[in-house]
C-alpha cells in the first residue's frame, strides 16, 4: 500500500503457510530465480481471476532466464485470453498426471523473484493481452453515441466485497450525463438492479459468458467505469481506457494518494474521500465525463 514492493512481495511469500491462501503443491522443485537453461517450468494461477490477469504480465520476463518451455495452469474462464500472452507455450486448465516439468512456481511469486520494484514491467499502453481470433463482442452493431461500460459489483464471496462494491443507485448520477450509450458489463445477481433504474442501460449479462467475450466487448467501448474487481484488470491488461472507483481504504495494489497506477497505464483512479461515499464520487465522475465527451475522437459522434 505504501509502495514498498520489495519488502511487500517478500512478506507476501508467507501466504504459503496460510490455509486459505496456500498455492497448490507439485512434486517438481520450486523455482527460485535460477537460470532455466532450456528446461520446462509450470506457472500455476492462484487466488482470484483479477490476480491471474494482473500478475500474468510477469510470465514474459521468464525469457531472460532461458526457459525452454513455459506452461501456465489457469482458470478455464481465463485460459483463452492468457494463451495470447507473450512467452506462454501452453495453457492448461487441468494438470495431466503424466505431465512432466523441471520447475514449478505460483504465479503470484513471480514479482518477488523477477521484478520486486516493478522496474522492468512491459509497457502496458497497448496492453499485454489480446482477444483470441474469432472471439465476438456482445455489443449490437453501430452506435451514434460514445459507448461507456459500467461495473458496480464484484464477487460477493470476496472478503472485502462490502467495501469495494456498491449498489447501482449509489452511482446513478453518472447516467444523467447526456450523449452516452451506457452498457452494463455487470454479471450475476447485481445485474438485476438495472431494471430498477430510471435510466436506459443496455444489459449484456446473459451474453457475457466468459472473459473472452467480455474482452472483445471492452475493445468496442470508448471507456470502462468499474469498481475494483476482475474487469478493471481485464480492461487494463487490454490497454483499454478505464476509470476505477476505489473504496476509501483501498486494496494494497492501488497504493495511496494518486490517480494513476504503475500496473496499468490506461487506468485512472477515483478514490472515495470518506468511507462508503460512492455518491460524491459519482458526481466527480459525471463532471469529468462532460470533459471526456469533448475529446476530438468523440466530438463528432
C-alpha atoms as a PDB file:
ATOM      1  CA  UNK A   1       0.000   0.000   0.000  1.00  0.00           C
ATOM      2  CA  UNK A   2       2.928   2.309   0.729  1.00  0.00           C
ATOM      3  CA  UNK A   3       4.763   1.352  -2.472  1.00  0.00           C
ATOM      4  CA  UNK A   4       7.467  -0.660  -0.698  1.00  0.00           C
ATOM      5  CA  UNK A   5       7.117  -3.500  -3.153  1.00  0.00           C
ATOM      6  CA  UNK A   6      10.380  -5.324  -2.490  1.00  0.00           C
ATOM      7  CA  UNK A   7       9.543  -5.808   1.204  1.00  0.00           C
ATOM      8  CA  UNK A   8       5.870  -6.368   0.462  1.00  0.00           C
ATOM      9  CA  UNK A   9       6.343  -9.112  -2.102  1.00  0.00           C
ATOM     10  CA  UNK A  10       8.911 -10.802   0.140  1.00  0.00           C
ATOM     11  CA  UNK A  11       6.455 -10.877   3.037  1.00  0.00           C
ATOM     12  CA  UNK A  12       3.694 -12.000   0.653  1.00  0.00           C
ATOM     13  CA  UNK A  13       5.502 -15.335   0.380  1.00  0.00           C
ATOM     14  CA  UNK A  14       4.125 -16.132   3.852  1.00  0.00           C
ATOM     15  CA  UNK A  15       0.785 -16.936   2.206  1.00  0.00           C
ATOM     16  CA  UNK A  16       2.284 -20.415   1.625  1.00  0.00           C
ATOM     17  CA  UNK A  17       1.656 -21.073   5.328  1.00  0.00           C
ATOM     18  CA  UNK A  18      -1.949 -19.793   5.316  1.00  0.00           C
ATOM     19  CA  UNK A  19      -4.623 -22.453   4.658  1.00  0.00           C
ATOM     20  CA  UNK A  20      -6.900 -20.056   2.746  1.00  0.00           C
ATOM     21  CA  UNK A  21      -4.083 -18.594   0.605  1.00  0.00           C
ATOM     22  CA  UNK A  22      -1.720 -21.523   0.140  1.00  0.00           C
ATOM     23  CA  UNK A  23      -0.824 -22.195  -3.530  1.00  0.00           C
ATOM     24  CA  UNK A  24      -1.006 -25.699  -4.977  1.00  0.00           C
ATOM     25  CA  UNK A  25       1.921 -28.016  -4.434  1.00  0.00           C
ATOM     26  CA  UNK A  26       3.684 -30.169  -7.030  1.00  0.00           C
ATOM     27  CA  UNK A  27       6.485 -32.725  -6.950  1.00  0.00           C
ATOM     28  CA  UNK A  28       8.775 -30.618  -9.134  1.00  0.00           C
ATOM     29  CA  UNK A  29      11.246 -28.248  -7.419  1.00  0.00           C
ATOM     30  CA  UNK A  30      10.090 -24.715  -6.631  1.00  0.00           C
ATOM     31  CA  UNK A  31      11.758 -22.259  -8.986  1.00  0.00           C
ATOM     32  CA  UNK A  32      13.687 -19.625  -7.029  1.00  0.00           C
ATOM     33  CA  UNK A  33      15.079 -17.411  -9.770  1.00  0.00           C
ATOM     34  CA  UNK A  34      17.889 -19.579 -11.147  1.00  0.00           C
ATOM     35  CA  UNK A  35      18.680 -19.942 -14.859  1.00  0.00           C
ATOM     36  CA  UNK A  36      16.363 -22.427 -16.565  1.00  0.00           C
ATOM     37  CA  UNK A  37      18.709 -23.240 -19.484  1.00  0.00           C
ATOM     38  CA  UNK A  38      16.090 -24.718 -21.771  1.00  0.00           C
ATOM     39  CA  UNK A  39      14.089 -26.530 -19.098  1.00  0.00           C
ATOM     40  CA  UNK A  40      10.307 -26.581 -18.674  1.00  0.00           C
ATOM     41  CA  UNK A  41       8.593 -24.543 -15.964  1.00  0.00           C
ATOM     42  CA  UNK A  42       4.980 -24.711 -14.818  1.00  0.00           C
ATOM     43  CA  UNK A  43       3.493 -21.415 -13.632  1.00  0.00           C
ATOM     44  CA  UNK A  44       0.218 -22.009 -11.789  1.00  0.00           C
ATOM     45  CA  UNK A  45      -2.502 -19.430 -11.174  1.00  0.00           C
ATOM     46  CA  UNK A  46      -3.819 -18.826  -7.675  1.00  0.00           C
ATOM     47  CA  UNK A  47      -6.409 -16.733  -5.841  1.00  0.00           C
ATOM     48  CA  UNK A  48      -8.854 -14.627  -7.898  1.00  0.00           C
ATOM     49  CA  UNK A  49      -9.352 -14.058 -11.618  1.00  0.00           C
ATOM     50  CA  UNK A  50      -8.178 -10.462 -11.302  1.00  0.00           C
ATOM     51  CA  UNK A  51      -4.954 -11.607  -9.652  1.00  0.00           C
ATOM     52  CA  UNK A  52      -4.292 -14.002 -12.540  1.00  0.00           C
ATOM     53  CA  UNK A  53      -4.870 -11.283 -15.149  1.00  0.00           C
ATOM     54  CA  UNK A  54      -2.738  -8.752 -13.275  1.00  0.00           C
ATOM     55  CA  UNK A  55       0.280 -10.930 -12.496  1.00  0.00           C
ATOM     56  CA  UNK A  56       0.330 -12.737 -15.852  1.00  0.00           C
ATOM     57  CA  UNK A  57       2.497  -9.917 -17.244  1.00  0.00           C
ATOM     58  CA  UNK A  58       5.496 -11.312 -15.371  1.00  0.00           C
ATOM     59  CA  UNK A  59       5.490 -14.517 -17.412  1.00  0.00           C
ATOM     60  CA  UNK A  60       7.055 -12.826 -20.439  1.00  0.00           C
ATOM     61  CA  UNK A  61      10.034 -11.905 -18.236  1.00  0.00           C
ATOM     62  CA  UNK A  62      10.917 -15.591 -17.843  1.00  0.00           C
ATOM     63  CA  UNK A  63      12.617 -15.339 -21.237  1.00  0.00           C
ATOM     64  CA  UNK A  64      15.678 -13.763 -19.654  1.00  0.00           C
ATOM     65  CA  UNK A  65      16.080 -16.920 -17.563  1.00  0.00           C
ATOM     66  CA  UNK A  66      16.339 -19.026 -20.750  1.00  0.00           C
ATOM     67  CA  UNK A  67      13.152 -21.008 -20.144  1.00  0.00           C
ATOM     68  CA  UNK A  68      12.782 -23.719 -22.759  1.00  0.00           C
ATOM     69  CA  UNK A  69       9.038 -24.164 -22.336  1.00  0.00           C
ATOM     70  CA  UNK A  70       6.573 -22.241 -20.191  1.00  0.00           C
ATOM     71  CA  UNK A  71       3.306 -23.934 -19.219  1.00  0.00           C
ATOM     72  CA  UNK A  72       0.600 -21.917 -17.479  1.00  0.00           C
ATOM     73  CA  UNK A  73      -2.108 -23.574 -15.386  1.00  0.00           C
ATOM     74  CA  UNK A  74      -5.104 -21.222 -15.460  1.00  0.00           C
ATOM     75  CA  UNK A  75      -8.808 -20.962 -14.669  1.00  0.00           C
ATOM     76  CA  UNK A  76     -10.928 -22.191 -17.586  1.00  0.00           C
ATOM     77  CA  UNK A  77     -12.647 -18.788 -17.925  1.00  0.00           C
ATOM     78  CA  UNK A  78      -9.309 -17.026 -18.498  1.00  0.00           C
ATOM     79  CA  UNK A  79      -7.447 -19.733 -20.439  1.00  0.00           C
ATOM     80  CA  UNK A  80      -8.096 -18.457 -23.976  1.00  0.00           C
ATOM     81  CA  UNK A  81      -7.093 -14.914 -23.056  1.00  0.00           C
ATOM     82  CA  UNK A  82      -3.945 -15.955 -21.206  1.00  0.00           C
ATOM     83  CA  UNK A  83      -2.992 -18.064 -24.202  1.00  0.00           C
ATOM     84  CA  UNK A  84      -2.290 -14.791 -26.053  1.00  0.00           C
ATOM     85  CA  UNK A  85       0.473 -13.856 -23.597  1.00  0.00           C
ATOM     86  CA  UNK A  86       3.960 -13.367 -24.919  1.00  0.00           C
ATOM     87  CA  UNK A  87       6.183 -16.163 -23.613  1.00  0.00           C
ATOM     88  CA  UNK A  88       3.475 -18.762 -22.880  1.00  0.00           C
ATOM     89  CA  UNK A  89       3.804 -22.042 -24.776  1.00  0.00           C
ATOM     90  CA  UNK A  90       0.870 -23.971 -23.293  1.00  0.00           C
ATOM     91  CA  UNK A  91      -2.162 -23.047 -21.197  1.00  0.00           C
ATOM     92  CA  UNK A  92      -3.633 -25.853 -19.106  1.00  0.00           C
ATOM     93  CA  UNK A  93      -6.986 -25.881 -17.339  1.00  0.00           C
ATOM     94  CA  UNK A  94      -6.174 -29.275 -15.875  1.00  0.00           C
ATOM     95  CA  UNK A  95      -2.800 -30.803 -14.995  1.00  0.00           C
ATOM     96  CA  UNK A  96      -2.453 -34.236 -16.666  1.00  0.00           C
ATOM     97  CA  UNK A  97      -0.984 -36.898 -14.434  1.00  0.00           C
ATOM     98  CA  UNK A  98       1.724 -37.677 -16.999  1.00  0.00           C
ATOM     99  CA  UNK A  99       2.813 -34.049 -17.441  1.00  0.00           C
ATOM    100  CA  UNK A 100       6.466 -33.560 -16.612  1.00  0.00           C
ATOM    101  CA  UNK A 101       8.214 -30.285 -15.895  1.00  0.00           C
ATOM    102  CA  UNK A 102      11.520 -29.346 -14.343  1.00  0.00           C
ATOM    103  CA  UNK A 103      10.331 -26.500 -12.109  1.00  0.00           C
ATOM    104  CA  UNK A 104       7.076 -25.041 -10.823  1.00  0.00           C
ATOM    105  CA  UNK A 105       6.209 -21.657  -9.345  1.00  0.00           C
ATOM    106  CA  UNK A 106       2.995 -19.957  -8.124  1.00  0.00           C
ATOM    107  CA  UNK A 107       2.046 -17.053 -10.374  1.00  0.00           C
ATOM    108  CA  UNK A 108       1.914 -14.512  -7.548  1.00  0.00           C
ATOM    109  CA  UNK A 109       5.502 -15.326  -6.540  1.00  0.00           C
ATOM    110  CA  UNK A 110       6.892 -14.052  -9.847  1.00  0.00           C
ATOM    111  CA  UNK A 111       7.249 -10.367  -8.848  1.00  0.00           C
ATOM    112  CA  UNK A 112       9.195 -11.356  -5.721  1.00  0.00           C
ATOM    113  CA  UNK A 113      11.557 -13.479  -7.846  1.00  0.00           C
ATOM    114  CA  UNK A 114      11.796 -11.368 -11.007  1.00  0.00           C
ATOM    115  CA  UNK A 115      10.959  -7.692 -10.510  1.00  0.00           C
ATOM    116  CA  UNK A 116      10.030  -6.707  -6.935  1.00  0.00           C
ATOM    117  CA  UNK A 117      10.350  -2.970  -7.649  1.00  0.00           C
ATOM    118  CA  UNK A 118       8.213  -3.126 -10.816  1.00  0.00           C
ATOM    119  CA  UNK A 119      11.135  -1.501 -12.630  1.00  0.00           C
ATOM    120  CA  UNK A 120      11.125  -3.583 -15.808  1.00  0.00           C
ATOM    121  CA  UNK A 121       7.438  -4.266 -16.365  1.00  0.00           C
ATOM    122  CA  UNK A 122       6.410  -4.411 -20.029  1.00  0.00           C
ATOM    123  CA  UNK A 123       4.764  -1.240 -21.353  1.00  0.00           C
ATOM    124  CA  UNK A 124       1.002  -1.584 -20.845  1.00  0.00           C
ATOM    125  CA  UNK A 125      -0.113   1.330 -23.046  1.00  0.00           C
ATOM    126  CA  UNK A 126      -1.160  -1.113 -25.792  1.00  0.00           C
ATOM    127  CA  UNK A 127      -1.990  -3.913 -23.357  1.00  0.00           C
ATOM    128  CA  UNK A 128      -0.306  -7.262 -22.864  1.00  0.00           C
ATOM    129  CA  UNK A 129      -3.361  -9.431 -23.532  1.00  0.00           C
ATOM    130  CA  UNK A 130      -5.046  -9.888 -26.901  1.00  0.00           C
ATOM    131  CA  UNK A 131      -8.527 -11.032 -27.830  1.00  0.00           C
ATOM    132  CA  UNK A 132      -8.264 -14.504 -29.390  1.00  0.00           C
ATOM    133  CA  UNK A 133      -9.059 -14.809 -33.086  1.00  0.00           C
ATOM    134  CA  UNK A 134     -12.730 -15.449 -33.684  1.00  0.00           C
ATOM    135  CA  UNK A 135     -13.949 -14.005 -30.376  1.00  0.00           C
ATOM    136  CA  UNK A 136     -17.106 -11.929 -30.805  1.00  0.00           C
ATOM    137  CA  UNK A 137     -18.296  -8.893 -28.893  1.00  0.00           C
ATOM    138  CA  UNK A 138     -21.658  -8.986 -27.103  1.00  0.00           C
ATOM    139  CA  UNK A 139     -22.500  -5.485 -28.333  1.00  0.00           C
ATOM    140  CA  UNK A 140     -25.051  -4.874 -31.073  1.00  0.00           C
ATOM    141  CA  UNK A 141     -23.542  -3.217 -34.132  1.00  0.00           C
ATOM    142  CA  UNK A 142     -23.495   0.514 -34.637  1.00  0.00           C
ATOM    143  CA  UNK A 143     -23.892   3.455 -32.298  1.00  0.00           C
ATOM    144  CA  UNK A 144     -24.046   7.179 -32.912  1.00  0.00           C
ATOM    145  CA  UNK A 145     -23.103   7.912 -29.313  1.00  0.00           C
ATOM    146  CA  UNK A 146     -19.951   7.122 -27.334  1.00  0.00           C
ATOM    147  CA  UNK A 147     -20.348   3.794 -25.577  1.00  0.00           C
ATOM    148  CA  UNK A 148     -19.290   3.505 -21.945  1.00  0.00           C
ATOM    149  CA  UNK A 149     -19.296   0.272 -19.989  1.00  0.00           C
ATOM    150  CA  UNK A 150     -20.048   0.135 -16.279  1.00  0.00           C
ATOM    151  CA  UNK A 151     -19.489  -2.422 -13.492  1.00  0.00           C
ATOM    152  CA  UNK A 152     -20.533  -1.712  -9.906  1.00  0.00           C
ATOM    153  CA  UNK A 153     -20.124  -5.008  -8.049  1.00  0.00           C
ATOM    154  CA  UNK A 154     -17.582  -7.799  -7.720  1.00  0.00           C
ATOM    155  CA  UNK A 155     -17.775 -11.347  -6.437  1.00  0.00           C
ATOM    156  CA  UNK A 156     -19.947 -11.301  -3.279  1.00  0.00           C
ATOM    157  CA  UNK A 157     -17.793 -14.095  -1.822  1.00  0.00           C
ATOM    158  CA  UNK A 158     -14.751 -11.800  -1.724  1.00  0.00           C
ATOM    159  CA  UNK A 159     -13.827 -10.989   1.880  1.00  0.00           C
ATOM    160  CA  UNK A 160     -13.792  -7.231   1.212  1.00  0.00           C
ATOM    161  CA  UNK A 161     -16.686  -7.065  -1.218  1.00  0.00           C
ATOM    162  CA  UNK A 162     -18.842  -4.990   1.157  1.00  0.00           C
ATOM    163  CA  UNK A 163     -16.285  -2.175   0.815  1.00  0.00           C
ATOM    164  CA  UNK A 164     -15.184  -2.432  -2.825  1.00  0.00           C
ATOM    165  CA  UNK A 165     -18.648  -2.914  -4.397  1.00  0.00           C
ATOM    166  CA  UNK A 166     -21.627  -0.578  -4.405  1.00  0.00           C
ATOM    167  CA  UNK A 167     -25.294  -0.555  -5.356  1.00  0.00           C
ATOM    168  CA  UNK A 168     -26.088   0.785  -8.802  1.00  0.00           C
ATOM    169  CA  UNK A 169     -28.318   3.508  -7.383  1.00  0.00           C
ATOM    170  CA  UNK A 170     -25.326   4.921  -5.468  1.00  0.00           C
ATOM    171  CA  UNK A 171     -23.561   5.878  -8.710  1.00  0.00           C
ATOM    172  CA  UNK A 172     -26.693   6.592 -10.751  1.00  0.00           C
ATOM    173  CA  UNK A 173     -25.773  10.280 -11.109  1.00  0.00           C
ATOM    174  CA  UNK A 174     -23.313   9.381 -13.879  1.00  0.00           C
ATOM    175  CA  UNK A 175     -26.244   8.305 -16.074  1.00  0.00           C
ATOM    176  CA  UNK A 176     -27.543  11.877 -16.070  1.00  0.00           C
ATOM    177  CA  UNK A 177     -24.690  12.896 -18.363  1.00  0.00           C
ATOM    178  CA  UNK A 178     -26.257  13.291 -21.839  1.00  0.00           C
ATOM    179  CA  UNK A 179     -24.976  11.911 -25.114  1.00  0.00           C
ATOM    180  CA  UNK A 180     -23.783   8.499 -23.854  1.00  0.00           C
ATOM    181  CA  UNK A 181     -24.913   4.978 -24.653  1.00  0.00           C
ATOM    182  CA  UNK A 182     -24.465   3.129 -21.361  1.00  0.00           C
ATOM    183  CA  UNK A 183     -23.524  -0.541 -21.455  1.00  0.00           C
ATOM    184  CA  UNK A 184     -23.589  -2.799 -18.399  1.00  0.00           C
ATOM    185  CA  UNK A 185     -20.728  -5.280 -18.157  1.00  0.00           C
ATOM    186  CA  UNK A 186     -22.110  -6.441 -14.825  1.00  0.00           C
ATOM    187  CA  UNK A 187     -22.825 -10.149 -14.376  1.00  0.00           C
ATOM    188  CA  UNK A 188     -24.507 -12.136 -11.623  1.00  0.00           C
ATOM    189  CA  UNK A 189     -27.248 -11.100  -9.231  1.00  0.00           C
ATOM    190  CA  UNK A 190     -26.326  -7.363  -9.163  1.00  0.00           C
ATOM    191  CA  UNK A 191     -27.224  -7.086 -12.875  1.00  0.00           C
ATOM    192  CA  UNK A 192     -30.894  -7.232 -11.857  1.00  0.00           C
ATOM    193  CA  UNK A 193     -30.516  -3.750 -10.358  1.00  0.00           C
ATOM    194  CA  UNK A 194     -30.679  -2.312 -13.883  1.00  0.00           C
ATOM    195  CA  UNK A 195     -34.422  -2.951 -14.037  1.00  0.00           C
ATOM    196  CA  UNK A 196     -34.935  -0.678 -11.029  1.00  0.00           C
ATOM    197  CA  UNK A 197     -33.032   2.205 -12.620  1.00  0.00           C
ATOM    198  CA  UNK A 198     -34.736   5.231 -14.192  1.00  0.00           C
ATOM    199  CA  UNK A 199     -32.164   5.325 -16.981  1.00  0.00           C
ATOM    200  CA  UNK A 200     -31.556   3.380 -20.168  1.00  0.00           C
ATOM    201  CA  UNK A 201     -28.643   0.979 -19.648  1.00  0.00           C
ATOM    202  CA  UNK A 202     -28.003  -1.906 -22.052  1.00  0.00           C
ATOM    203  CA  UNK A 203     -27.861  -5.153 -20.057  1.00  0.00           C
ATOM    204  CA  UNK A 204     -25.402  -7.668 -21.552  1.00  0.00           C
ATOM    205  CA  UNK A 205     -25.284 -10.021 -18.568  1.00  0.00           C
ATOM    206  CA  UNK A 206     -26.739 -13.026 -20.404  1.00  0.00           C
ATOM    207  CA  UNK A 207     -24.259 -12.661 -23.267  1.00  0.00           C
ATOM    208  CA  UNK A 208     -21.095 -12.182 -21.194  1.00  0.00           C
ATOM    209  CA  UNK A 209     -20.431 -15.887 -20.820  1.00  0.00           C
ATOM    210  CA  UNK A 210     -16.661 -15.717 -20.231  1.00  0.00           C
ATOM    211  CA  UNK A 211     -13.734 -13.312 -20.058  1.00  0.00           C
ATOM    212  CA  UNK A 212     -13.027 -13.634 -23.782  1.00  0.00           C
ATOM    213  CA  UNK A 213     -16.468 -12.290 -24.725  1.00  0.00           C
ATOM    214  CA  UNK A 214     -16.107  -9.523 -22.146  1.00  0.00           C
ATOM    215  CA  UNK A 215     -12.669  -8.627 -23.539  1.00  0.00           C
ATOM    216  CA  UNK A 216     -13.968  -8.406 -27.110  1.00  0.00           C
ATOM    217  CA  UNK A 217     -16.807  -6.191 -25.858  1.00  0.00           C
ATOM    218  CA  UNK A 218     -14.488  -3.893 -23.914  1.00  0.00           C
ATOM    219  CA  UNK A 219     -12.412  -3.205 -27.026  1.00  0.00           C
ATOM    220  CA  UNK A 220     -15.533  -1.813 -28.749  1.00  0.00           C
ATOM    221  CA  UNK A 221     -16.222   0.642 -25.916  1.00  0.00           C
ATOM    222  CA  UNK A 222     -14.864   4.167 -25.584  1.00  0.00           C
ATOM    223  CA  UNK A 223     -14.439   3.893 -21.803  1.00  0.00           C
ATOM    224  CA  UNK A 224     -14.979   1.455 -18.949  1.00  0.00           C
ATOM    225  CA  UNK A 225     -16.033   2.659 -15.470  1.00  0.00           C
ATOM    226  CA  UNK A 226     -15.725  -0.048 -12.839  1.00  0.00           C
ATOM    227  CA  UNK A 227     -15.202  -0.776  -9.182  1.00  0.00           C
ATOM    228  CA  UNK A 228     -12.190  -2.805  -8.047  1.00  0.00           C
ATOM    229  CA  UNK A 229     -12.998  -6.219  -9.496  1.00  0.00           C
ATOM    230  CA  UNK A 230     -11.675  -8.528 -12.220  1.00  0.00           C
ATOM    231  CA  UNK A 231     -12.995  -6.297 -15.023  1.00  0.00           C
ATOM    232  CA  UNK A 232     -10.578  -3.494 -14.095  1.00  0.00           C
ATOM    233  CA  UNK A 233      -7.661  -5.904 -14.538  1.00  0.00           C
ATOM    234  CA  UNK A 234      -9.074  -7.235 -17.790  1.00  0.00           C
ATOM    235  CA  UNK A 235      -9.557  -3.744 -19.225  1.00  0.00           C
ATOM    236  CA  UNK A 236      -6.140  -2.603 -18.017  1.00  0.00           C
ATOM    237  CA  UNK A 237      -4.433  -5.689 -19.447  1.00  0.00           C
ATOM    238  CA  UNK A 238      -6.070  -4.906 -22.808  1.00  0.00           C
ATOM    239  CA  UNK A 239      -4.873  -1.292 -22.663  1.00  0.00           C
ATOM    240  CA  UNK A 240      -8.469  -0.009 -22.728  1.00  0.00           C
ATOM    241  CA  UNK A 241      -9.300   3.435 -21.239  1.00  0.00           C
ATOM    242  CA  UNK A 242     -10.677   2.714 -17.768  1.00  0.00           C
ATOM    243  CA  UNK A 243     -11.759   4.657 -14.699  1.00  0.00           C
ATOM    244  CA  UNK A 244     -11.625   2.673 -11.473  1.00  0.00           C
ATOM    245  CA  UNK A 245     -13.717   3.571  -8.400  1.00  0.00           C
ATOM    246  CA  UNK A 246     -11.872   2.787  -5.175  1.00  0.00           C
ATOM    247  CA  UNK A 247     -13.014   2.460  -1.582  1.00  0.00           C
ATOM    248  CA  UNK A 248     -11.621   4.924   0.962  1.00  0.00           C
ATOM    249  CA  UNK A 249      -9.315   2.160   2.272  1.00  0.00           C
ATOM    250  CA  UNK A 250      -8.227   0.540  -0.991  1.00  0.00           C
ATOM    251  CA  UNK A 251      -6.611  -2.776  -1.737  1.00  0.00           C
ATOM    252  CA  UNK A 252      -2.805  -2.659  -1.468  1.00  0.00           C
ATOM    253  CA  UNK A 253      -2.170  -2.732  -5.218  1.00  0.00           C
ATOM    254  CA  UNK A 254      -3.708   0.714  -5.759  1.00  0.00           C
ATOM    255  CA  UNK A 255      -1.483   2.400  -3.157  1.00  0.00           C
ATOM    256  CA  UNK A 256      -2.465   5.822  -1.780  1.00  0.00           C
ATOM    257  CA  UNK A 257      -2.973   9.447  -2.874  1.00  0.00           C
ATOM    258  CA  UNK A 258      -2.536   9.030  -6.614  1.00  0.00           C
ATOM    259  CA  UNK A 259      -4.873   8.881  -9.582  1.00  0.00           C
ATOM    260  CA  UNK A 260      -2.616   6.696 -11.718  1.00  0.00           C
ATOM    261  CA  UNK A 261      -1.017   3.282 -11.199  1.00  0.00           C
ATOM    262  CA  UNK A 262       2.188   1.555 -12.301  1.00  0.00           C
ATOM    263  CA  UNK A 263       0.152  -1.542 -13.091  1.00  0.00           C
ATOM    264  CA  UNK A 264      -1.877  -0.171 -15.999  1.00  0.00           C
ATOM    265  CA  UNK A 265      -1.117   2.971 -17.980  1.00  0.00           C
ATOM    266  CA  UNK A 266      -4.697   3.219 -19.323  1.00  0.00           C
ATOM    267  CA  UNK A 267      -6.229   3.452 -15.835  1.00  0.00           C
ATOM    268  CA  UNK A 268      -7.400   6.492 -13.919  1.00  0.00           C
ATOM    269  CA  UNK A 269      -8.192   6.022 -10.226  1.00  0.00           C
ATOM    270  CA  UNK A 270     -11.084   7.692  -8.389  1.00  0.00           C
ATOM    271  CA  UNK A 271     -10.895   7.433  -4.612  1.00  0.00           C
ATOM    272  CA  UNK A 272     -13.629   7.875  -2.033  1.00  0.00           C
ATOM    273  CA  UNK A 273     -12.984  10.860   0.222  1.00  0.00           C
ATOM    274  CA  UNK A 274     -14.882   9.202   3.063  1.00  0.00           C
ATOM    275  CA  UNK A 275     -15.756   5.570   3.714  1.00  0.00           C
ATOM    276  CA  UNK A 276     -18.822   4.324   1.866  1.00  0.00           C
ATOM    277  CA  UNK A 277     -19.476   7.578  -0.018  1.00  0.00           C
ATOM    278  CA  UNK A 278     -19.983   6.435  -3.601  1.00  0.00           C
ATOM    279  CA  UNK A 279     -22.472   9.199  -4.381  1.00  0.00           C
ATOM    280  CA  UNK A 280     -19.977  12.055  -4.063  1.00  0.00           C
ATOM    281  CA  UNK A 281     -17.563  10.023  -6.174  1.00  0.00           C
ATOM    282  CA  UNK A 282     -20.196   9.615  -8.895  1.00  0.00           C
ATOM    283  CA  UNK A 283     -20.657  13.401  -9.042  1.00  0.00           C
ATOM    284  CA  UNK A 284     -16.906  13.833  -9.638  1.00  0.00           C
ATOM    285  CA  UNK A 285     -17.008  11.246 -12.394  1.00  0.00           C
ATOM    286  CA  UNK A 286     -20.030  12.887 -14.014  1.00  0.00           C
ATOM    287  CA  UNK A 287     -18.145  16.199 -14.160  1.00  0.00           C
ATOM    288  CA  UNK A 288     -15.140  14.525 -15.761  1.00  0.00           C
ATOM    289  CA  UNK A 289     -17.363  12.724 -18.254  1.00  0.00           C
ATOM    290  CA  UNK A 290     -18.527  16.076 -19.626  1.00  0.00           C
ATOM    291  CA  UNK A 291     -14.895  16.869 -20.432  1.00  0.00           C
ATOM    292  CA  UNK A 292     -14.254  13.345 -21.731  1.00  0.00           C
ATOM    293  CA  UNK A 293     -17.032  13.708 -24.296  1.00  0.00           C
ATOM    294  CA  UNK A 294     -15.348  16.784 -25.772  1.00  0.00           C
ATOM    295  CA  UNK A 295     -12.230  14.863 -26.770  1.00  0.00           C
ATOM    296  CA  UNK A 296     -11.581  15.186 -30.536  1.00  0.00           C
ATOM    297  CA  UNK A 297     -12.063  11.467 -31.206  1.00  0.00           C
ATOM    298  CA  UNK A 298     -15.545  11.620 -29.638  1.00  0.00           C
ATOM    299  CA  UNK A 299     -16.725  15.107 -30.544  1.00  0.00           C
ATOM    300  CA  UNK A 300     -18.025  14.136 -33.980  1.00  0.00           C
ATOM    301  CA  UNK A 301     -20.166  11.245 -32.799  1.00  0.00           C
END
